[in-house]
Amino acid sequence: MNNKKDLNIQYICINMKEAIDKALEVLKAGGIILYPTDTVWGLGCDATNPDAVAKIIALKGRAADKSFIVLLHSPNQLASYVKEIPDVAYDLIEFAENPLTVIFSGARNLAPNVINQDGSVGLRVVRHDFCEKLLQRFKKPITSTSANISGAPTPLTFDEIADEIKAGVDYVVDWEHEISTPKKPSTIVKLGPSGQFEFVRR
């Protein structure tokens, strides 16, 4: 029994590595991936590459001035993309029971079309095995926006994603397609420079 279990684990690890390898190849080339996240399936690209971000904007048909959520694998990365980080930010991230996106002011080192007009950006530190490993290897932040045409309902499982979206990306990550339990978007908190915060979406 143990040998069979060990073989299953090895098979899963190999499959995840292959999926991550392919995703990395596309991200480094400035392409778009459709991938599972700690919330709903997302459209991802290099969040520092404005041309890659523009491809997602075109695919979704969304307004060019609408900002993106950006994923990181560790709170230690926040200082690279935000000018000032109130101490409470680390507590919010550490103690959040559900996926939490924090909107910070003073975004930096990101593609201009990822950032809101007021200079803010939504960042989320992921707790998701695939995303963490992908982000660790890519060594850059990745966008995460729902995998739908702008204005259409957010797909809560892989099967709900429109064929138009699947056909419009450079790589559909071959991982977690079979999960049928609906997921939901993250909680969003807007954090002010002095540490005050308000919920934008619960």
N, C-alpha and C. Protein backbone atom coordinates (compact mmCIF):
# COMPACT_ATOMS: atom_id res chain seq x y z
N MET A 1 0.83 -1.21 0.00
CA MET A 1 0.00 0.00 0.00
C MET A 1 0.86 1.25 0.00
N ASN A 2 1.88 1.24 0.84
CA ASN A 2 2.75 2.41 0.93
C ASN A 2 3.46 2.68 -0.39
N ASN A 3 3.88 1.59 -1.06
CA ASN A 3 4.57 1.76 -2.35
C ASN A 3 3.65 2.40 -3.37
N LYS A 4 2.38 1.98 -3.38
CA LYS A 4 1.41 2.55 -4.32
C LYS A 4 1.19 4.03 -4.01
N LYS A 5 1.09 4.36 -2.73
CA LYS A 5 0.90 5.75 -2.32
C LYS A 5 2.09 6.59 -2.73
N ASP A 6 3.29 6.05 -2.52
CA ASP A 6 4.52 6.77 -2.90
C ASP A 6 4.56 7.03 -4.39
N LEU A 7 4.13 6.03 -5.18
CA LEU A 7 4.11 6.19 -6.64
C LEU A 7 3.13 7.28 -7.05
N ASN A 8 1.97 7.33 -6.38
CA ASN A 8 0.98 8.36 -6.68
C ASN A 8 1.52 9.75 -6.40
N ILE A 9 2.21 9.88 -5.28
CA ILE A 9 2.80 11.17 -4.92
C ILE A 9 3.84 11.59 -5.95
N GLN A 10 4.69 10.63 -6.38
CA GLN A 10 5.70 10.94 -7.38
C GLN A 10 5.05 11.36 -8.70
N TYR A 11 3.95 10.67 -9.06
CA TYR A 11 3.24 11.00 -10.30
C TYR A 11 2.68 12.41 -10.24
N ILE A 12 2.07 12.76 -9.10
CA ILE A 12 1.52 14.11 -8.91
C ILE A 12 2.62 15.15 -9.01
N CYS A 13 3.75 14.89 -8.35
CA CYS A 13 4.87 15.84 -8.38
C CYS A 13 5.41 16.06 -9.78
N ILE A 14 5.52 14.96 -10.54
CA ILE A 14 6.02 15.06 -11.92
C ILE A 14 5.05 15.87 -12.77
N ASN A 15 3.75 15.59 -12.62
CA ASN A 15 2.75 16.32 -13.40
C ASN A 15 2.75 17.80 -13.07
N MET A 16 2.87 18.15 -11.78
CA MET A 16 2.90 19.55 -11.40
C MET A 16 4.14 20.22 -11.95
N LYS A 17 5.27 19.54 -11.88
CA LYS A 17 6.51 20.12 -12.40
C LYS A 17 6.39 20.39 -13.90
N GLU A 18 5.80 19.45 -14.64
CA GLU A 18 5.64 19.64 -16.08
C GLU A 18 4.74 20.85 -16.36
N ALA A 19 3.66 20.97 -15.60
CA ALA A 19 2.74 22.09 -15.79
C ALA A 19 3.42 23.42 -15.48
N ILE A 20 4.22 23.43 -14.42
CA ILE A 20 4.94 24.65 -14.04
C ILE A 20 6.01 24.99 -15.09
N ASP A 21 6.71 23.98 -15.58
CA ASP A 21 7.73 24.21 -16.61
C ASP A 21 7.12 24.88 -17.84
N LYS A 22 5.96 24.38 -18.28
CA LYS A 22 5.29 24.94 -19.47
C LYS A 22 4.80 26.36 -19.19
N ALA A 23 4.25 26.57 -17.99
CA ALA A 23 3.76 27.90 -17.63
C ALA A 23 4.90 28.90 -17.60
N LEU A 24 6.03 28.49 -17.05
CA LEU A 24 7.20 29.38 -16.98
C LEU A 24 7.68 29.77 -18.37
N GLU A 25 7.69 28.81 -19.27
CA GLU A 25 8.14 29.08 -20.64
C GLU A 25 7.27 30.17 -21.28
N VAL A 26 5.95 30.07 -21.07
CA VAL A 26 5.02 31.05 -21.64
C VAL A 26 5.18 32.41 -20.96
N LEU A 27 5.26 32.42 -19.64
CA LEU A 27 5.39 33.69 -18.91
C LEU A 27 6.66 34.44 -19.31
N LYS A 28 7.75 33.71 -19.42
CA LYS A 28 9.03 34.34 -19.77
C LYS A 28 9.02 34.89 -21.20
N ALA A 29 8.17 34.32 -22.05
CA ALA A 29 8.06 34.77 -23.44
C ALA A 29 7.05 35.90 -23.59
N GLY A 30 6.45 36.33 -22.49
CA GLY A 30 5.47 37.41 -22.55
C GLY A 30 4.08 36.96 -22.91
N GLY A 31 3.79 35.67 -22.68
CA GLY A 31 2.48 35.13 -23.02
C GLY A 31 1.52 35.13 -21.84
N ILE A 32 0.32 34.57 -22.11
CA ILE A 32 -0.75 34.50 -21.11
C ILE A 32 -1.01 33.04 -20.75
N ILE A 33 -1.23 32.79 -19.45
CA ILE A 33 -1.62 31.46 -19.01
C ILE A 33 -3.00 31.51 -18.36
N LEU A 34 -3.72 30.41 -18.46
CA LEU A 34 -4.97 30.21 -17.73
C LEU A 34 -4.62 29.21 -16.64
N TYR A 35 -4.74 29.61 -15.38
CA TYR A 35 -4.19 28.77 -14.31
C TYR A 35 -5.04 28.78 -13.04
N PRO A 36 -4.94 27.68 -12.25
CA PRO A 36 -5.68 27.61 -10.99
C PRO A 36 -4.97 28.46 -9.94
N THR A 37 -5.77 29.11 -9.09
CA THR A 37 -5.19 29.92 -8.02
C THR A 37 -5.82 29.51 -6.69
N ASP A 38 -5.51 30.26 -5.65
CA ASP A 38 -6.10 30.00 -4.34
C ASP A 38 -7.57 30.41 -4.31
N THR A 39 -8.03 31.11 -5.35
CA THR A 39 -9.44 31.47 -5.48
C THR A 39 -9.96 30.87 -6.79
N VAL A 40 -10.54 31.68 -7.66
CA VAL A 40 -11.04 31.19 -8.94
C VAL A 40 -9.90 31.05 -9.95
N TRP A 41 -10.17 30.38 -11.06
CA TRP A 41 -9.18 30.29 -12.13
C TRP A 41 -8.85 31.70 -12.62
N GLY A 42 -7.56 31.92 -12.95
CA GLY A 42 -7.15 33.26 -13.34
C GLY A 42 -6.42 33.31 -14.67
N LEU A 43 -6.40 34.50 -15.24
CA LEU A 43 -5.57 34.79 -16.41
C LEU A 43 -4.30 35.45 -15.89
N GLY A 44 -3.17 34.85 -16.20
CA GLY A 44 -1.91 35.33 -15.64
C GLY A 44 -0.88 35.68 -16.68
N CYS A 45 -0.06 36.66 -16.33
CA CYS A 45 1.09 37.02 -17.15
C CYS A 45 2.11 37.70 -16.23
N ASP A 46 3.26 38.01 -16.77
CA ASP A 46 4.30 38.75 -16.05
C ASP A 46 3.74 40.13 -15.70
N ALA A 47 3.58 40.39 -14.40
CA ALA A 47 2.97 41.65 -13.96
C ALA A 47 3.90 42.85 -14.12
N THR A 48 5.12 42.61 -14.59
CA THR A 48 6.04 43.72 -14.86
C THR A 48 6.14 44.02 -16.36
N ASN A 49 5.41 43.25 -17.16
CA ASN A 49 5.50 43.37 -18.62
C ASN A 49 4.22 44.00 -19.18
N PRO A 50 4.25 45.29 -19.54
CA PRO A 50 3.03 45.96 -20.01
C PRO A 50 2.43 45.36 -21.28
N ASP A 51 3.28 44.84 -22.16
CA ASP A 51 2.76 44.23 -23.39
C ASP A 51 1.97 42.95 -23.09
N ALA A 52 2.46 42.17 -22.13
CA ALA A 52 1.77 40.95 -21.73
C ALA A 52 0.43 41.29 -21.07
N VAL A 53 0.45 42.31 -20.22
CA VAL A 53 -0.79 42.75 -19.55
C VAL A 53 -1.81 43.22 -20.59
N ALA A 54 -1.34 43.92 -21.61
CA ALA A 54 -2.22 44.42 -22.67
C ALA A 54 -2.93 43.27 -23.39
N LYS A 55 -2.28 42.12 -23.50
CA LYS A 55 -2.90 40.96 -24.15
C LYS A 55 -4.10 40.47 -23.34
N ILE A 56 -3.97 40.48 -22.03
CA ILE A 56 -5.09 40.05 -21.18
C ILE A 56 -6.23 41.06 -21.27
N ILE A 57 -5.89 42.34 -21.28
CA ILE A 57 -6.92 43.39 -21.41
C ILE A 57 -7.70 43.19 -22.70
N ALA A 58 -6.99 42.89 -23.78
CA ALA A 58 -7.65 42.68 -25.08
C ALA A 58 -8.51 41.42 -25.07
N LEU A 59 -7.99 40.34 -24.48
CA LEU A 59 -8.73 39.08 -24.45
C LEU A 59 -10.03 39.23 -23.66
N LYS A 60 -9.97 39.92 -22.53
CA LYS A 60 -11.16 40.09 -21.70
C LYS A 60 -12.09 41.19 -22.22
N GLY A 61 -11.54 42.08 -23.06
CA GLY A 61 -12.34 43.20 -23.53
C GLY A 61 -12.68 44.16 -22.40
N ARG A 62 -11.74 44.34 -21.50
CA ARG A 62 -12.00 45.16 -20.33
C ARG A 62 -11.42 46.56 -20.51
N ALA A 63 -11.85 47.49 -19.69
CA ALA A 63 -11.34 48.86 -19.75
C ALA A 63 -9.85 48.87 -19.43
N ALA A 64 -9.09 49.64 -20.20
CA ALA A 64 -7.64 49.67 -20.02
C ALA A 64 -7.22 50.32 -18.72
N ASP A 65 -8.11 51.11 -18.11
CA ASP A 65 -7.73 51.80 -16.88
C ASP A 65 -8.14 51.04 -15.62
N LYS A 66 -8.60 49.79 -15.78
CA LYS A 66 -8.99 48.97 -14.63
C LYS A 66 -7.78 48.18 -14.15
N SER A 67 -7.49 48.29 -12.85
CA SER A 67 -6.27 47.67 -12.32
C SER A 67 -6.42 46.15 -12.17
N PHE A 68 -5.31 45.48 -11.91
CA PHE A 68 -5.27 44.03 -11.76
C PHE A 68 -4.90 43.64 -10.33
N ILE A 69 -5.29 42.44 -9.95
CA ILE A 69 -4.75 41.82 -8.74
C ILE A 69 -3.45 41.14 -9.14
N VAL A 70 -2.46 41.25 -8.27
CA VAL A 70 -1.14 40.69 -8.53
C VAL A 70 -0.79 39.71 -7.42
N LEU A 71 -0.26 38.55 -7.80
CA LEU A 71 0.07 37.51 -6.83
C LEU A 71 1.56 37.48 -6.50
N LEU A 72 1.84 37.25 -5.21
CA LEU A 72 3.19 37.07 -4.69
C LEU A 72 3.23 35.77 -3.90
N HIS A 73 4.43 35.24 -3.70
CA HIS A 73 4.51 33.99 -2.94
C HIS A 73 4.92 34.19 -1.49
N SER A 74 5.34 35.42 -1.14
CA SER A 74 5.81 35.67 0.23
C SER A 74 5.59 37.13 0.61
N PRO A 75 5.25 37.41 1.88
CA PRO A 75 5.13 38.79 2.34
C PRO A 75 6.45 39.56 2.21
N ASN A 76 7.56 38.84 2.17
CA ASN A 76 8.86 39.49 2.03
C ASN A 76 9.01 40.22 0.71
N GLN A 77 8.17 39.90 -0.26
CA GLN A 77 8.24 40.54 -1.57
C GLN A 77 7.53 41.89 -1.62
N LEU A 78 6.69 42.18 -0.63
CA LEU A 78 5.87 43.38 -0.67
C LEU A 78 6.71 44.64 -0.87
N ALA A 79 7.83 44.74 -0.18
CA ALA A 79 8.65 45.95 -0.23
C ALA A 79 9.19 46.23 -1.63
N SER A 80 9.23 45.20 -2.48
CA SER A 80 9.73 45.40 -3.85
C SER A 80 8.69 46.09 -4.73
N TYR A 81 7.42 46.02 -4.31
CA TYR A 81 6.36 46.52 -5.19
C TYR A 81 5.46 47.59 -4.54
N VAL A 82 5.76 47.93 -3.29
CA VAL A 82 5.01 48.97 -2.59
C VAL A 82 6.01 49.89 -1.87
N LYS A 83 5.80 51.19 -2.00
CA LYS A 83 6.74 52.15 -1.42
C LYS A 83 6.75 52.13 0.10
N GLU A 84 5.56 52.13 0.71
CA GLU A 84 5.47 52.12 2.16
C GLU A 84 4.45 51.07 2.59
N ILE A 85 4.84 50.24 3.56
CA ILE A 85 3.97 49.15 4.00
C ILE A 85 3.64 49.33 5.49
N PRO A 86 2.41 49.68 5.82
CA PRO A 86 2.02 49.76 7.23
C PRO A 86 2.20 48.41 7.91
N ASP A 87 2.61 48.41 9.16
CA ASP A 87 2.87 47.15 9.87
C ASP A 87 1.65 46.24 9.91
N VAL A 88 0.47 46.83 9.96
CA VAL A 88 -0.75 46.03 10.05
C VAL A 88 -0.93 45.14 8.83
N ALA A 89 -0.30 45.48 7.72
CA ALA A 89 -0.43 44.68 6.50
C ALA A 89 0.03 43.24 6.74
N TYR A 90 1.13 43.10 7.45
CA TYR A 90 1.67 41.76 7.69
C TYR A 90 0.74 40.95 8.60
N ASP A 91 0.10 41.63 9.56
CA ASP A 91 -0.85 40.95 10.43
C ASP A 91 -2.09 40.51 9.66
N LEU A 92 -2.58 41.39 8.80
CA LEU A 92 -3.75 41.05 7.99
C LEU A 92 -3.49 39.81 7.15
N ILE A 93 -2.31 39.78 6.53
CA ILE A 93 -1.96 38.66 5.66
C ILE A 93 -1.76 37.38 6.46
N GLU A 94 -1.06 37.50 7.58
CA GLU A 94 -0.74 36.31 8.39
C GLU A 94 -1.99 35.65 8.98
N PHE A 95 -2.91 36.46 9.45
CA PHE A 95 -4.05 35.92 10.18
C PHE A 95 -5.32 35.77 9.35
N ALA A 96 -5.25 36.09 8.07
CA ALA A 96 -6.43 35.94 7.21
C ALA A 96 -6.80 34.46 7.09
N GLU A 97 -8.08 34.16 7.32
CA GLU A 97 -8.54 32.78 7.24
C GLU A 97 -8.85 32.37 5.80
N ASN A 98 -9.17 33.36 4.98
CA ASN A 98 -9.47 33.11 3.57
C ASN A 98 -8.54 33.94 2.69
N PRO A 99 -8.43 33.60 1.40
CA PRO A 99 -7.57 34.39 0.51
C PRO A 99 -7.88 35.88 0.62
N LEU A 100 -6.83 36.69 0.81
CA LEU A 100 -6.99 38.12 1.06
C LEU A 100 -6.15 38.95 0.11
N THR A 101 -6.80 39.83 -0.63
CA THR A 101 -6.10 40.79 -1.48
C THR A 101 -6.08 42.12 -0.74
N VAL A 102 -4.89 42.70 -0.64
CA VAL A 102 -4.73 43.99 0.04
C VAL A 102 -4.39 45.05 -1.00
N ILE A 103 -5.17 46.12 -1.03
CA ILE A 103 -4.90 47.24 -1.93
C ILE A 103 -3.95 48.21 -1.23
N PHE A 104 -2.76 48.35 -1.78
CA PHE A 104 -1.75 49.25 -1.24
C PHE A 104 -1.64 50.50 -2.10
N SER A 105 -1.36 51.64 -1.49
CA SER A 105 -1.03 52.83 -2.26
C SER A 105 0.47 52.80 -2.57
N GLY A 106 0.88 53.61 -3.52
CA GLY A 106 2.31 53.72 -3.82
C GLY A 106 2.91 52.50 -4.47
N ALA A 107 2.24 51.95 -5.48
CA ALA A 107 2.78 50.80 -6.20
C ALA A 107 4.03 51.18 -6.98
N ARG A 108 4.93 50.24 -7.14
CA ARG A 108 6.15 50.49 -7.91
C ARG A 108 6.65 49.18 -8.52
N ASN A 109 7.54 49.33 -9.52
CA ASN A 109 8.19 48.19 -10.17
C ASN A 109 7.21 47.20 -10.80
N LEU A 110 6.04 47.71 -11.20
CA LEU A 110 5.05 46.90 -11.89
C LEU A 110 4.69 47.57 -13.21
N ALA A 111 4.12 46.82 -14.13
CA ALA A 111 3.67 47.41 -15.39
C ALA A 111 2.65 48.51 -15.11
N PRO A 112 2.74 49.64 -15.80
CA PRO A 112 1.80 50.75 -15.56
C PRO A 112 0.34 50.34 -15.72
N ASN A 113 0.05 49.41 -16.63
CA ASN A 113 -1.34 49.02 -16.86
C ASN A 113 -1.84 47.96 -15.88
N VAL A 114 -1.02 47.66 -14.87
CA VAL A 114 -1.46 46.82 -13.75
C VAL A 114 -1.95 47.71 -12.60
N ILE A 115 -1.41 48.92 -12.55
CA ILE A 115 -1.63 49.83 -11.43
C ILE A 115 -2.87 50.69 -11.64
N ASN A 116 -3.60 50.96 -10.56
CA ASN A 116 -4.77 51.81 -10.60
C ASN A 116 -4.37 53.25 -10.90
N GLN A 117 -5.31 54.05 -11.37
CA GLN A 117 -5.02 55.45 -11.71
C GLN A 117 -4.53 56.26 -10.51
N ASP A 118 -4.93 55.86 -9.30
CA ASP A 118 -4.50 56.58 -8.10
C ASP A 118 -3.16 56.07 -7.56
N GLY A 119 -2.52 55.18 -8.31
CA GLY A 119 -1.20 54.67 -7.91
C GLY A 119 -1.25 53.46 -6.99
N SER A 120 -2.44 52.93 -6.77
CA SER A 120 -2.58 51.77 -5.88
C SER A 120 -2.57 50.47 -6.67
N VAL A 121 -2.38 49.37 -5.93
CA VAL A 121 -2.41 48.05 -6.57
C VAL A 121 -2.87 47.02 -5.54
N GLY A 122 -3.60 46.02 -6.02
CA GLY A 122 -4.04 44.93 -5.16
C GLY A 122 -3.07 43.78 -5.21
N LEU A 123 -2.51 43.43 -4.05
CA LEU A 123 -1.53 42.35 -3.97
C LEU A 123 -2.07 41.24 -3.07
N ARG A 124 -1.82 40.00 -3.47
CA ARG A 124 -2.23 38.87 -2.64
C ARG A 124 -1.08 37.88 -2.50
N VAL A 125 -0.76 37.52 -1.26
CA VAL A 125 0.22 36.48 -1.00
C VAL A 125 -0.53 35.16 -0.99
N VAL A 126 -0.20 34.28 -1.91
CA VAL A 126 -0.99 33.06 -2.11
C VAL A 126 -0.60 31.95 -1.14
N ARG A 127 -1.61 31.15 -0.83
CA ARG A 127 -1.41 29.90 -0.09
C ARG A 127 -2.00 28.80 -0.95
N HIS A 128 -1.27 28.44 -1.96
CA HIS A 128 -1.76 27.48 -2.96
C HIS A 128 -0.53 26.82 -3.56
N ASP A 129 -0.46 25.51 -3.45
CA ASP A 129 0.76 24.78 -3.78
C ASP A 129 1.28 25.11 -5.18
N PHE A 130 0.40 25.02 -6.18
CA PHE A 130 0.83 25.27 -7.55
C PHE A 130 1.32 26.71 -7.73
N CYS A 131 0.52 27.66 -7.27
CA CYS A 131 0.88 29.08 -7.43
C CYS A 131 2.18 29.43 -6.71
N GLU A 132 2.32 28.94 -5.50
CA GLU A 132 3.55 29.23 -4.75
C GLU A 132 4.78 28.76 -5.49
N LYS A 133 4.73 27.52 -5.97
CA LYS A 133 5.89 26.97 -6.68
C LYS A 133 6.15 27.72 -7.98
N LEU A 134 5.08 28.07 -8.69
CA LEU A 134 5.23 28.82 -9.95
C LEU A 134 5.86 30.19 -9.69
N LEU A 135 5.36 30.89 -8.69
CA LEU A 135 5.88 32.22 -8.37
C LEU A 135 7.31 32.17 -7.86
N GLN A 136 7.63 31.16 -7.07
CA GLN A 136 9.00 31.02 -6.57
C GLN A 136 9.98 30.82 -7.71
N ARG A 137 9.59 30.04 -8.70
CA ARG A 137 10.49 29.78 -9.82
C ARG A 137 10.54 30.94 -10.82
N PHE A 138 9.42 31.62 -10.99
CA PHE A 138 9.38 32.73 -11.94
C PHE A 138 10.13 33.95 -11.41
N LYS A 139 10.11 34.11 -10.07
CA LYS A 139 10.83 35.19 -9.40
C LYS A 139 10.29 36.59 -9.74
N LYS A 140 9.07 36.62 -10.26
CA LYS A 140 8.39 37.89 -10.54
C LYS A 140 6.92 37.73 -10.16
N PRO A 141 6.22 38.83 -9.92
CA PRO A 141 4.78 38.74 -9.64
C PRO A 141 4.01 38.38 -10.90
N ILE A 142 2.84 37.76 -10.70
CA ILE A 142 1.99 37.33 -11.80
C ILE A 142 0.60 37.93 -11.61
N THR A 143 0.00 38.40 -12.69
CA THR A 143 -1.36 38.93 -12.60
C THR A 143 -2.35 37.80 -12.32
N SER A 144 -3.46 38.17 -11.71
CA SER A 144 -4.55 37.23 -11.50
C SER A 144 -5.86 37.99 -11.70
N THR A 145 -6.50 37.74 -12.81
CA THR A 145 -7.81 38.33 -13.07
C THR A 145 -8.73 37.21 -13.51
N SER A 146 -9.99 37.31 -13.15
CA SER A 146 -10.92 36.22 -13.43
C SER A 146 -10.96 35.85 -14.91
N ALA A 147 -11.15 34.57 -15.16
CA ALA A 147 -11.06 34.03 -16.52
C ALA A 147 -12.38 34.15 -17.26
N ASN A 148 -12.79 35.38 -17.52
CA ASN A 148 -14.06 35.63 -18.21
C ASN A 148 -13.94 36.88 -19.08
N ILE A 149 -14.84 37.00 -20.03
CA ILE A 149 -14.96 38.23 -20.79
C ILE A 149 -15.54 39.28 -19.85
N SER A 150 -15.04 40.50 -19.94
CA SER A 150 -15.49 41.56 -19.05
C SER A 150 -17.01 41.71 -19.09
N GLY A 151 -17.62 41.70 -17.90
CA GLY A 151 -19.08 41.82 -17.80
C GLY A 151 -19.80 40.50 -17.67
N ALA A 152 -19.13 39.40 -18.04
CA ALA A 152 -19.73 38.08 -17.91
C ALA A 152 -19.51 37.56 -16.49
N PRO A 153 -20.33 36.60 -16.04
CA PRO A 153 -20.14 36.05 -14.70
C PRO A 153 -18.76 35.42 -14.52
N THR A 154 -18.24 35.51 -13.31
CA THR A 154 -16.95 34.89 -13.00
C THR A 154 -17.11 33.38 -12.92
N PRO A 155 -16.35 32.61 -13.72
CA PRO A 155 -16.46 31.15 -13.63
C PRO A 155 -15.88 30.65 -12.31
N LEU A 156 -16.61 29.78 -11.63
CA LEU A 156 -16.20 29.30 -10.32
C LEU A 156 -15.52 27.94 -10.37
N THR A 157 -15.56 27.29 -11.55
CA THR A 157 -14.83 26.04 -11.78
C THR A 157 -14.22 26.10 -13.18
N PHE A 158 -13.32 25.17 -13.46
CA PHE A 158 -12.68 25.15 -14.78
C PHE A 158 -13.70 24.93 -15.89
N ASP A 159 -14.67 24.05 -15.65
CA ASP A 159 -15.67 23.72 -16.67
C ASP A 159 -16.54 24.91 -17.06
N GLU A 160 -16.63 25.91 -16.19
CA GLU A 160 -17.46 27.08 -16.48
C GLU A 160 -16.75 28.12 -17.34
N ILE A 161 -15.45 27.94 -17.56
CA ILE A 161 -14.69 28.92 -18.34
C ILE A 161 -15.06 28.83 -19.82
N ALA A 162 -15.33 29.96 -20.44
CA ALA A 162 -15.76 29.99 -21.83
C ALA A 162 -14.65 29.50 -22.77
N ASP A 163 -15.06 28.82 -23.83
CA ASP A 163 -14.10 28.32 -24.82
C ASP A 163 -13.29 29.47 -25.43
N GLU A 164 -13.92 30.63 -25.55
CA GLU A 164 -13.24 31.79 -26.11
C GLU A 164 -12.01 32.18 -25.28
N ILE A 165 -12.14 32.06 -23.98
CA ILE A 165 -11.02 32.36 -23.08
C ILE A 165 -9.95 31.28 -23.19
N LYS A 166 -10.37 30.03 -23.17
CA LYS A 166 -9.41 28.92 -23.26
C LYS A 166 -8.61 28.99 -24.55
N ALA A 167 -9.29 29.36 -25.64
CA ALA A 167 -8.62 29.43 -26.94
C ALA A 167 -7.75 30.67 -27.08
N GLY A 168 -7.98 31.67 -26.24
CA GLY A 168 -7.27 32.94 -26.38
C GLY A 168 -5.97 33.04 -25.61
N VAL A 169 -5.67 32.03 -24.78
CA VAL A 169 -4.43 32.07 -24.00
C VAL A 169 -3.35 31.25 -24.69
N ASP A 170 -2.13 31.43 -24.22
CA ASP A 170 -1.01 30.69 -24.81
C ASP A 170 -0.81 29.32 -24.16
N TYR A 171 -1.32 29.15 -22.94
CA TYR A 171 -1.21 27.85 -22.28
C TYR A 171 -2.30 27.72 -21.23
N VAL A 172 -3.06 26.63 -21.33
CA VAL A 172 -4.04 26.27 -20.30
C VAL A 172 -3.34 25.29 -19.37
N VAL A 173 -3.10 25.72 -18.15
CA VAL A 173 -2.36 24.88 -17.19
C VAL A 173 -3.12 23.58 -16.94
N ASP A 174 -2.42 22.47 -17.09
CA ASP A 174 -3.01 21.15 -16.93
C ASP A 174 -2.92 20.73 -15.46
N TRP A 175 -3.77 21.35 -14.65
CA TRP A 175 -3.74 21.07 -13.21
C TRP A 175 -5.08 21.49 -12.60
N GLU A 176 -5.66 20.64 -11.77
CA GLU A 176 -6.89 20.93 -11.03
C GLU A 176 -8.12 21.13 -11.92
N HIS A 177 -8.09 20.59 -13.13
CA HIS A 177 -9.28 20.70 -13.99
C HIS A 177 -10.47 19.95 -13.39
N GLU A 178 -10.17 18.90 -12.64
CA GLU A 178 -11.23 18.01 -12.17
C GLU A 178 -11.95 18.53 -10.92
N ILE A 179 -11.44 19.57 -10.30
CA ILE A 179 -12.07 20.07 -9.08
C ILE A 179 -13.41 20.72 -9.41
N SER A 180 -14.48 20.16 -8.84
CA SER A 180 -15.82 20.64 -9.16
C SER A 180 -16.43 21.53 -8.07
N THR A 181 -15.76 21.59 -6.93
CA THR A 181 -16.26 22.44 -5.84
C THR A 181 -16.05 23.90 -6.22
N PRO A 182 -17.11 24.68 -6.30
CA PRO A 182 -16.96 26.09 -6.71
C PRO A 182 -16.08 26.87 -5.74
N LYS A 183 -15.21 27.69 -6.28
CA LYS A 183 -14.41 28.59 -5.47
C LYS A 183 -15.00 29.99 -5.59
N LYS A 184 -14.54 30.90 -4.76
CA LYS A 184 -15.03 32.27 -4.85
C LYS A 184 -13.86 33.25 -4.86
N PRO A 185 -14.07 34.46 -5.36
CA PRO A 185 -13.01 35.47 -5.39
C PRO A 185 -12.53 35.80 -3.97
N SER A 186 -11.38 36.43 -3.88
CA SER A 186 -10.79 36.76 -2.59
C SER A 186 -11.53 37.90 -1.89
N THR A 187 -11.34 37.96 -0.58
CA THR A 187 -11.72 39.15 0.17
C THR A 187 -10.76 40.27 -0.22
N ILE A 188 -11.25 41.50 -0.33
CA ILE A 188 -10.38 42.63 -0.68
C ILE A 188 -10.45 43.69 0.41
N VAL A 189 -9.29 44.11 0.86
CA VAL A 189 -9.17 45.16 1.87
C VAL A 189 -8.35 46.31 1.31
N LYS A 190 -8.82 47.53 1.48
CA LYS A 190 -8.05 48.71 1.07
C LYS A 190 -7.33 49.26 2.29
N LEU A 191 -6.02 49.37 2.17
CA LEU A 191 -5.16 49.76 3.30
C LEU A 191 -4.57 51.14 3.07
N GLY A 192 -4.79 52.06 4.02
CA GLY A 192 -4.25 53.40 3.92
C GLY A 192 -2.82 53.48 4.43
N PRO A 193 -2.08 54.54 4.10
CA PRO A 193 -0.69 54.68 4.49
C PRO A 193 -0.47 54.66 6.01
N SER A 194 -1.46 55.13 6.76
CA SER A 194 -1.31 55.17 8.21
C SER A 194 -1.80 53.90 8.89
N GLY A 195 -2.26 52.93 8.10
CA GLY A 195 -2.66 51.64 8.67
C GLY A 195 -4.15 51.43 8.77
N GLN A 196 -4.96 52.47 8.51
CA GLN A 196 -6.41 52.27 8.53
C GLN A 196 -6.81 51.44 7.33
N PHE A 197 -7.85 50.61 7.51
CA PHE A 197 -8.27 49.76 6.39
C PHE A 197 -9.78 49.61 6.37
N GLU A 198 -10.29 49.31 5.17
CA GLU A 198 -11.71 49.08 4.97
C GLU A 198 -11.91 47.94 4.00
N PHE A 199 -12.99 47.18 4.20
CA PHE A 199 -13.29 46.07 3.30
C PHE A 199 -13.94 46.59 2.03
N VAL A 200 -13.39 46.17 0.90
CA VAL A 200 -13.97 46.50 -0.40
C VAL A 200 -14.87 45.36 -0.86
N ARG A 201 -14.45 44.13 -0.56
CA ARG A 201 -15.24 42.94 -0.88
C ARG A 201 -14.99 41.89 0.18
N ARG A 202 -16.06 41.38 0.76
CA ARG A 202 -15.94 40.35 1.80
C ARG A 202 -16.18 38.96 1.22
